[in-house]
Amino acid sequence: MQDHCHTKGLSQKEVALSLGMNPSQYSKIENGKVDPQCSSIEKIANALGISLADIFTEENSLKDINSIDKSIIEKVQLIEQLDDKQKESIFSIIDMAIYNLKLKQTLSNALNL
């Protein structure tokens, strides 16, 4: 979004004010410190005179994100970029998957006795 602001010659403050948003809140969104709501993303796109799709089809778009094919080290590096709450969610999913695997193994071993 930052590139669009500079292309349009707008400052963060100008965009924030046109959105009726606190400039510090807009700055946090632009710098990736806060995840914006869908409605905020749409308002920002409108303020910049671009489509919602344009935000997601830039060079650094979300379409290229695919952690499945990455190495374990690359996956850990991606996880390290997340905030604590996001990390906690991912670790909870991993823990549940490991728990389910161990439960299946335990049941399978018990049935084979």
N, C-alpha and C. Protein backbone atom coordinates (compact mmCIF):
# COMPACT_ATOMS: atom_id res chain seq x y z
N MET A 1 0.82 -1.19 0.00
CA MET A 1 0.00 0.00 0.00
C MET A 1 0.86 1.25 0.00
N GLN A 2 2.02 1.15 0.62
CA GLN A 2 2.89 2.30 0.73
C GLN A 2 3.26 2.83 -0.66
N ASP A 3 3.57 1.94 -1.61
CA ASP A 3 3.95 2.37 -2.95
C ASP A 3 2.83 3.15 -3.62
N HIS A 4 1.58 2.71 -3.42
CA HIS A 4 0.45 3.42 -4.00
C HIS A 4 0.35 4.83 -3.43
N CYS A 5 0.59 4.97 -2.13
CA CYS A 5 0.53 6.30 -1.50
C CYS A 5 1.54 7.22 -2.14
N HIS A 6 2.77 6.73 -2.30
CA HIS A 6 3.82 7.58 -2.86
C HIS A 6 3.56 7.86 -4.34
N THR A 7 3.01 6.90 -5.07
CA THR A 7 2.66 7.10 -6.47
C THR A 7 1.62 8.20 -6.59
N LYS A 8 0.67 8.22 -5.68
CA LYS A 8 -0.39 9.23 -5.71
C LYS A 8 0.07 10.55 -5.08
N GLY A 9 1.27 10.57 -4.49
CA GLY A 9 1.78 11.78 -3.86
C GLY A 9 1.10 12.08 -2.53
N LEU A 10 0.58 11.06 -1.88
CA LEU A 10 -0.11 11.24 -0.62
C LEU A 10 0.76 10.80 0.55
N SER A 11 0.65 11.52 1.65
CA SER A 11 1.34 11.10 2.86
C SER A 11 0.44 10.13 3.62
N GLN A 12 1.03 9.42 4.58
CA GLN A 12 0.22 8.54 5.42
C GLN A 12 -0.89 9.33 6.09
N LYS A 13 -0.55 10.52 6.56
CA LYS A 13 -1.52 11.35 7.28
C LYS A 13 -2.69 11.74 6.36
N GLU A 14 -2.38 12.09 5.11
CA GLU A 14 -3.43 12.47 4.17
C GLU A 14 -4.37 11.30 3.88
N VAL A 15 -3.79 10.11 3.70
CA VAL A 15 -4.63 8.93 3.45
C VAL A 15 -5.47 8.64 4.68
N ALA A 16 -4.85 8.66 5.84
CA ALA A 16 -5.58 8.38 7.09
C ALA A 16 -6.74 9.35 7.28
N LEU A 17 -6.49 10.63 7.07
CA LEU A 17 -7.54 11.63 7.25
C LEU A 17 -8.67 11.44 6.24
N SER A 18 -8.32 11.06 5.00
CA SER A 18 -9.37 10.83 4.00
C SER A 18 -10.21 9.61 4.36
N LEU A 19 -9.65 8.70 5.17
CA LEU A 19 -10.38 7.52 5.61
C LEU A 19 -11.14 7.77 6.91
N GLY A 20 -10.88 8.92 7.54
CA GLY A 20 -11.46 9.17 8.86
C GLY A 20 -10.82 8.27 9.90
N MET A 21 -9.55 7.97 9.69
CA MET A 21 -8.82 7.05 10.56
C MET A 21 -7.70 7.81 11.27
N ASN A 22 -7.40 7.39 12.47
CA ASN A 22 -6.29 7.96 13.22
C ASN A 22 -4.99 7.70 12.43
N PRO A 23 -4.19 8.75 12.17
CA PRO A 23 -2.95 8.55 11.40
C PRO A 23 -2.01 7.50 12.00
N SER A 24 -1.94 7.40 13.32
CA SER A 24 -1.05 6.40 13.91
C SER A 24 -1.58 4.99 13.66
N GLN A 25 -2.92 4.84 13.66
CA GLN A 25 -3.52 3.54 13.36
C GLN A 25 -3.24 3.15 11.91
N TYR A 26 -3.38 4.11 11.00
CA TYR A 26 -3.10 3.84 9.58
C TYR A 26 -1.63 3.47 9.40
N SER A 27 -0.76 4.15 10.10
CA SER A 27 0.68 3.86 10.02
C SER A 27 0.97 2.43 10.46
N LYS A 28 0.29 1.99 11.52
CA LYS A 28 0.47 0.61 12.00
C LYS A 28 0.01 -0.40 10.95
N ILE A 29 -1.08 -0.09 10.25
CA ILE A 29 -1.57 -0.98 9.18
C ILE A 29 -0.54 -1.03 8.06
N GLU A 30 -0.09 0.16 7.63
CA GLU A 30 0.84 0.24 6.51
C GLU A 30 2.17 -0.45 6.82
N ASN A 31 2.59 -0.40 8.07
CA ASN A 31 3.86 -1.01 8.47
C ASN A 31 3.72 -2.45 8.92
N GLY A 32 2.51 -3.00 8.80
CA GLY A 32 2.31 -4.41 9.12
C GLY A 32 2.28 -4.73 10.60
N LYS A 33 2.09 -3.72 11.45
CA LYS A 33 2.04 -3.96 12.89
C LYS A 33 0.64 -4.33 13.37
N VAL A 34 -0.35 -4.02 12.54
CA VAL A 34 -1.75 -4.32 12.86
C VAL A 34 -2.38 -4.94 11.62
N ASP A 35 -3.16 -5.99 11.80
CA ASP A 35 -3.88 -6.58 10.68
C ASP A 35 -5.18 -5.81 10.47
N PRO A 36 -5.33 -5.21 9.30
CA PRO A 36 -6.56 -4.43 9.05
C PRO A 36 -7.75 -5.33 8.81
N GLN A 37 -8.93 -4.82 9.13
CA GLN A 37 -10.16 -5.53 8.81
C GLN A 37 -10.41 -5.39 7.31
N CYS A 38 -11.19 -6.30 6.76
CA CYS A 38 -11.50 -6.25 5.32
C CYS A 38 -12.11 -4.91 4.93
N SER A 39 -12.98 -4.39 5.78
CA SER A 39 -13.62 -3.12 5.47
C SER A 39 -12.58 -1.99 5.39
N SER A 40 -11.55 -2.05 6.24
CA SER A 40 -10.49 -1.04 6.20
C SER A 40 -9.68 -1.15 4.93
N ILE A 41 -9.39 -2.36 4.50
CA ILE A 41 -8.62 -2.56 3.27
C ILE A 41 -9.39 -1.98 2.09
N GLU A 42 -10.69 -2.21 2.07
CA GLU A 42 -11.51 -1.70 0.98
C GLU A 42 -11.52 -0.17 0.98
N LYS A 43 -11.64 0.43 2.17
CA LYS A 43 -11.63 1.90 2.27
C LYS A 43 -10.30 2.47 1.80
N ILE A 44 -9.21 1.80 2.18
CA ILE A 44 -7.87 2.26 1.79
C ILE A 44 -7.73 2.19 0.26
N ALA A 45 -8.18 1.09 -0.33
CA ALA A 45 -8.12 0.96 -1.79
C ALA A 45 -8.91 2.08 -2.46
N ASN A 46 -10.11 2.36 -1.95
CA ASN A 46 -10.93 3.43 -2.51
C ASN A 46 -10.24 4.79 -2.38
N ALA A 47 -9.62 5.04 -1.22
CA ALA A 47 -8.94 6.32 -0.99
C ALA A 47 -7.76 6.50 -1.95
N LEU A 48 -7.12 5.38 -2.31
CA LEU A 48 -5.97 5.44 -3.21
C LEU A 48 -6.38 5.37 -4.68
N GLY A 49 -7.69 5.18 -4.91
CA GLY A 49 -8.18 5.12 -6.28
C GLY A 49 -7.77 3.84 -7.00
N ILE A 50 -7.65 2.75 -6.24
CA ILE A 50 -7.29 1.47 -6.84
C ILE A 50 -8.35 0.45 -6.46
N SER A 51 -8.33 -0.68 -7.15
CA SER A 51 -9.29 -1.72 -6.82
C SER A 51 -8.74 -2.57 -5.68
N LEU A 52 -9.64 -3.25 -5.02
CA LEU A 52 -9.24 -4.15 -3.94
C LEU A 52 -8.29 -5.21 -4.48
N ALA A 53 -8.55 -5.68 -5.69
CA ALA A 53 -7.70 -6.71 -6.31
C ALA A 53 -6.28 -6.20 -6.53
N ASP A 54 -6.12 -4.89 -6.81
CA ASP A 54 -4.79 -4.33 -7.04
C ASP A 54 -3.88 -4.50 -5.83
N ILE A 55 -4.47 -4.44 -4.64
CA ILE A 55 -3.68 -4.56 -3.42
C ILE A 55 -3.03 -5.94 -3.36
N PHE A 56 -3.73 -6.95 -3.86
CA PHE A 56 -3.25 -8.32 -3.75
C PHE A 56 -2.58 -8.85 -5.01
N THR A 57 -2.43 -8.00 -6.04
CA THR A 57 -1.78 -8.47 -7.26
C THR A 57 -0.49 -7.71 -7.55
N GLU A 58 0.07 -7.09 -6.54
CA GLU A 58 1.35 -6.41 -6.67
C GLU A 58 2.47 -7.42 -6.76
N GLU A 59 3.68 -6.97 -7.03
CA GLU A 59 4.85 -7.85 -7.08
C GLU A 59 4.99 -8.65 -5.79
N ASN A 60 4.79 -8.01 -4.66
CA ASN A 60 4.94 -8.68 -3.36
C ASN A 60 3.60 -9.23 -2.89
N SER A 61 2.83 -9.76 -3.81
CA SER A 61 1.47 -10.16 -3.47
C SER A 61 1.40 -11.42 -2.63
N LEU A 62 0.21 -11.67 -2.15
CA LEU A 62 -0.05 -12.85 -1.33
C LEU A 62 -0.07 -14.12 -2.16
N LYS A 63 -0.24 -14.00 -3.47
CA LYS A 63 -0.37 -15.20 -4.30
C LYS A 63 0.90 -16.04 -4.32
N ASP A 64 2.05 -15.45 -4.01
CA ASP A 64 3.31 -16.18 -4.05
C ASP A 64 3.65 -16.86 -2.73
N ILE A 65 2.80 -16.70 -1.73
CA ILE A 65 3.09 -17.28 -0.43
C ILE A 65 2.66 -18.74 -0.44
N ASN A 66 3.63 -19.63 -0.26
CA ASN A 66 3.34 -21.07 -0.21
C ASN A 66 4.41 -21.72 0.65
N SER A 67 4.11 -21.91 1.91
CA SER A 67 5.11 -22.45 2.83
C SER A 67 5.25 -23.96 2.73
N ILE A 68 4.32 -24.63 2.04
CA ILE A 68 4.36 -26.09 1.93
C ILE A 68 5.67 -26.57 1.31
N ASP A 69 6.13 -25.90 0.27
CA ASP A 69 7.33 -26.33 -0.45
C ASP A 69 8.64 -25.82 0.16
N LYS A 70 8.55 -25.11 1.25
CA LYS A 70 9.74 -24.54 1.86
C LYS A 70 10.42 -25.57 2.77
N SER A 71 11.71 -25.34 3.02
CA SER A 71 12.44 -26.21 3.95
C SER A 71 11.98 -25.91 5.38
N ILE A 72 12.33 -26.79 6.29
CA ILE A 72 11.97 -26.59 7.70
C ILE A 72 12.55 -25.26 8.20
N ILE A 73 13.78 -24.95 7.82
CA ILE A 73 14.42 -23.70 8.27
C ILE A 73 13.63 -22.50 7.73
N GLU A 74 13.23 -22.56 6.46
CA GLU A 74 12.46 -21.46 5.87
C GLU A 74 11.10 -21.32 6.56
N LYS A 75 10.49 -22.46 6.92
CA LYS A 75 9.20 -22.41 7.60
C LYS A 75 9.35 -21.76 8.97
N VAL A 76 10.40 -22.11 9.69
CA VAL A 76 10.65 -21.51 11.00
C VAL A 76 10.89 -20.01 10.85
N GLN A 77 11.63 -19.61 9.81
CA GLN A 77 11.87 -18.18 9.58
C GLN A 77 10.56 -17.44 9.30
N LEU A 78 9.66 -18.07 8.56
CA LEU A 78 8.35 -17.46 8.29
C LEU A 78 7.56 -17.31 9.59
N ILE A 79 7.56 -18.35 10.40
CA ILE A 79 6.83 -18.30 11.68
C ILE A 79 7.40 -17.21 12.57
N GLU A 80 8.72 -17.04 12.56
CA GLU A 80 9.35 -16.02 13.40
C GLU A 80 8.93 -14.60 13.04
N GLN A 81 8.41 -14.40 11.83
CA GLN A 81 7.95 -13.07 11.40
C GLN A 81 6.59 -12.71 11.99
N LEU A 82 5.88 -13.71 12.50
CA LEU A 82 4.53 -13.49 13.01
C LEU A 82 4.56 -12.90 14.41
N ASP A 83 3.43 -12.29 14.81
CA ASP A 83 3.35 -11.79 16.17
C ASP A 83 3.04 -12.95 17.12
N ASP A 84 3.16 -12.70 18.41
CA ASP A 84 3.03 -13.76 19.41
C ASP A 84 1.69 -14.48 19.34
N LYS A 85 0.62 -13.75 19.11
CA LYS A 85 -0.70 -14.37 19.05
C LYS A 85 -0.81 -15.32 17.86
N GLN A 86 -0.27 -14.89 16.70
CA GLN A 86 -0.29 -15.74 15.52
C GLN A 86 0.57 -16.98 15.74
N LYS A 87 1.74 -16.80 16.35
CA LYS A 87 2.62 -17.94 16.65
C LYS A 87 1.90 -18.93 17.57
N GLU A 88 1.23 -18.41 18.58
CA GLU A 88 0.51 -19.26 19.53
C GLU A 88 -0.54 -20.10 18.80
N SER A 89 -1.24 -19.49 17.85
CA SER A 89 -2.26 -20.22 17.08
C SER A 89 -1.63 -21.35 16.27
N ILE A 90 -0.52 -21.05 15.62
CA ILE A 90 0.15 -22.07 14.81
C ILE A 90 0.66 -23.20 15.69
N PHE A 91 1.25 -22.86 16.83
CA PHE A 91 1.77 -23.90 17.72
C PHE A 91 0.64 -24.74 18.30
N SER A 92 -0.52 -24.14 18.53
CA SER A 92 -1.68 -24.90 19.01
C SER A 92 -2.12 -25.92 17.96
N ILE A 93 -2.11 -25.52 16.70
CA ILE A 93 -2.47 -26.44 15.62
C ILE A 93 -1.46 -27.59 15.54
N ILE A 94 -0.18 -27.25 15.64
CA ILE A 94 0.86 -28.29 15.61
C ILE A 94 0.69 -29.24 16.78
N ASP A 95 0.47 -28.69 17.97
CA ASP A 95 0.30 -29.52 19.17
C ASP A 95 -0.89 -30.46 19.01
N MET A 96 -2.00 -29.95 18.46
CA MET A 96 -3.19 -30.78 18.28
C MET A 96 -2.91 -31.90 17.27
N ALA A 97 -2.19 -31.58 16.19
CA ALA A 97 -1.86 -32.60 15.19
C ALA A 97 -0.97 -33.68 15.80
N ILE A 98 0.02 -33.30 16.60
CA ILE A 98 0.92 -34.26 17.26
C ILE A 98 0.13 -35.10 18.27
N TYR A 99 -0.75 -34.46 19.02
CA TYR A 99 -1.59 -35.18 20.00
C TYR A 99 -2.42 -36.25 19.28
N ASN A 100 -3.06 -35.85 18.17
CA ASN A 100 -3.89 -36.80 17.41
C ASN A 100 -3.05 -37.96 16.86
N LEU A 101 -1.85 -37.66 16.37
CA LEU A 101 -0.96 -38.69 15.86
C LEU A 101 -0.58 -39.68 16.97
N LYS A 102 -0.20 -39.14 18.14
CA LYS A 102 0.20 -40.01 19.26
C LYS A 102 -0.98 -40.83 19.76
N LEU A 103 -2.17 -40.24 19.77
CA LEU A 103 -3.37 -40.96 20.19
C LEU A 103 -3.64 -42.13 19.24
N LYS A 104 -3.55 -41.88 17.92
CA LYS A 104 -3.75 -42.95 16.94
C LYS A 104 -2.71 -44.05 17.12
N GLN A 105 -1.45 -43.65 17.36
CA GLN A 105 -0.39 -44.65 17.55
C GLN A 105 -0.66 -45.49 18.80
N THR A 106 -1.07 -44.84 19.86
CA THR A 106 -1.35 -45.53 21.12
C THR A 106 -2.51 -46.51 20.94
N LEU A 107 -3.58 -46.08 20.28
CA LEU A 107 -4.73 -46.95 20.04
C LEU A 107 -4.35 -48.11 19.13
N SER A 108 -3.57 -47.82 18.10
CA SER A 108 -3.13 -48.86 17.18
C SER A 108 -2.28 -49.91 17.91
N ASN A 109 -1.37 -49.44 18.76
CA ASN A 109 -0.53 -50.36 19.54
C ASN A 109 -1.37 -51.18 20.51
N ALA A 110 -2.36 -50.57 21.11
CA ALA A 110 -3.21 -51.28 22.06
C ALA A 110 -4.03 -52.36 21.35
N LEU A 111 -4.48 -52.09 20.13
CA LEU A 111 -5.28 -53.06 19.37
C LEU A 111 -4.42 -54.23 18.89
N ASN A 112 -3.13 -53.98 18.69
CA ASN A 112 -2.23 -55.02 18.19
C ASN A 112 -1.67 -55.90 19.29
N LEU A 113 -1.98 -55.61 20.55
CA LEU A 113 -1.46 -56.42 21.67
C LEU A 113 -2.10 -57.77 21.73
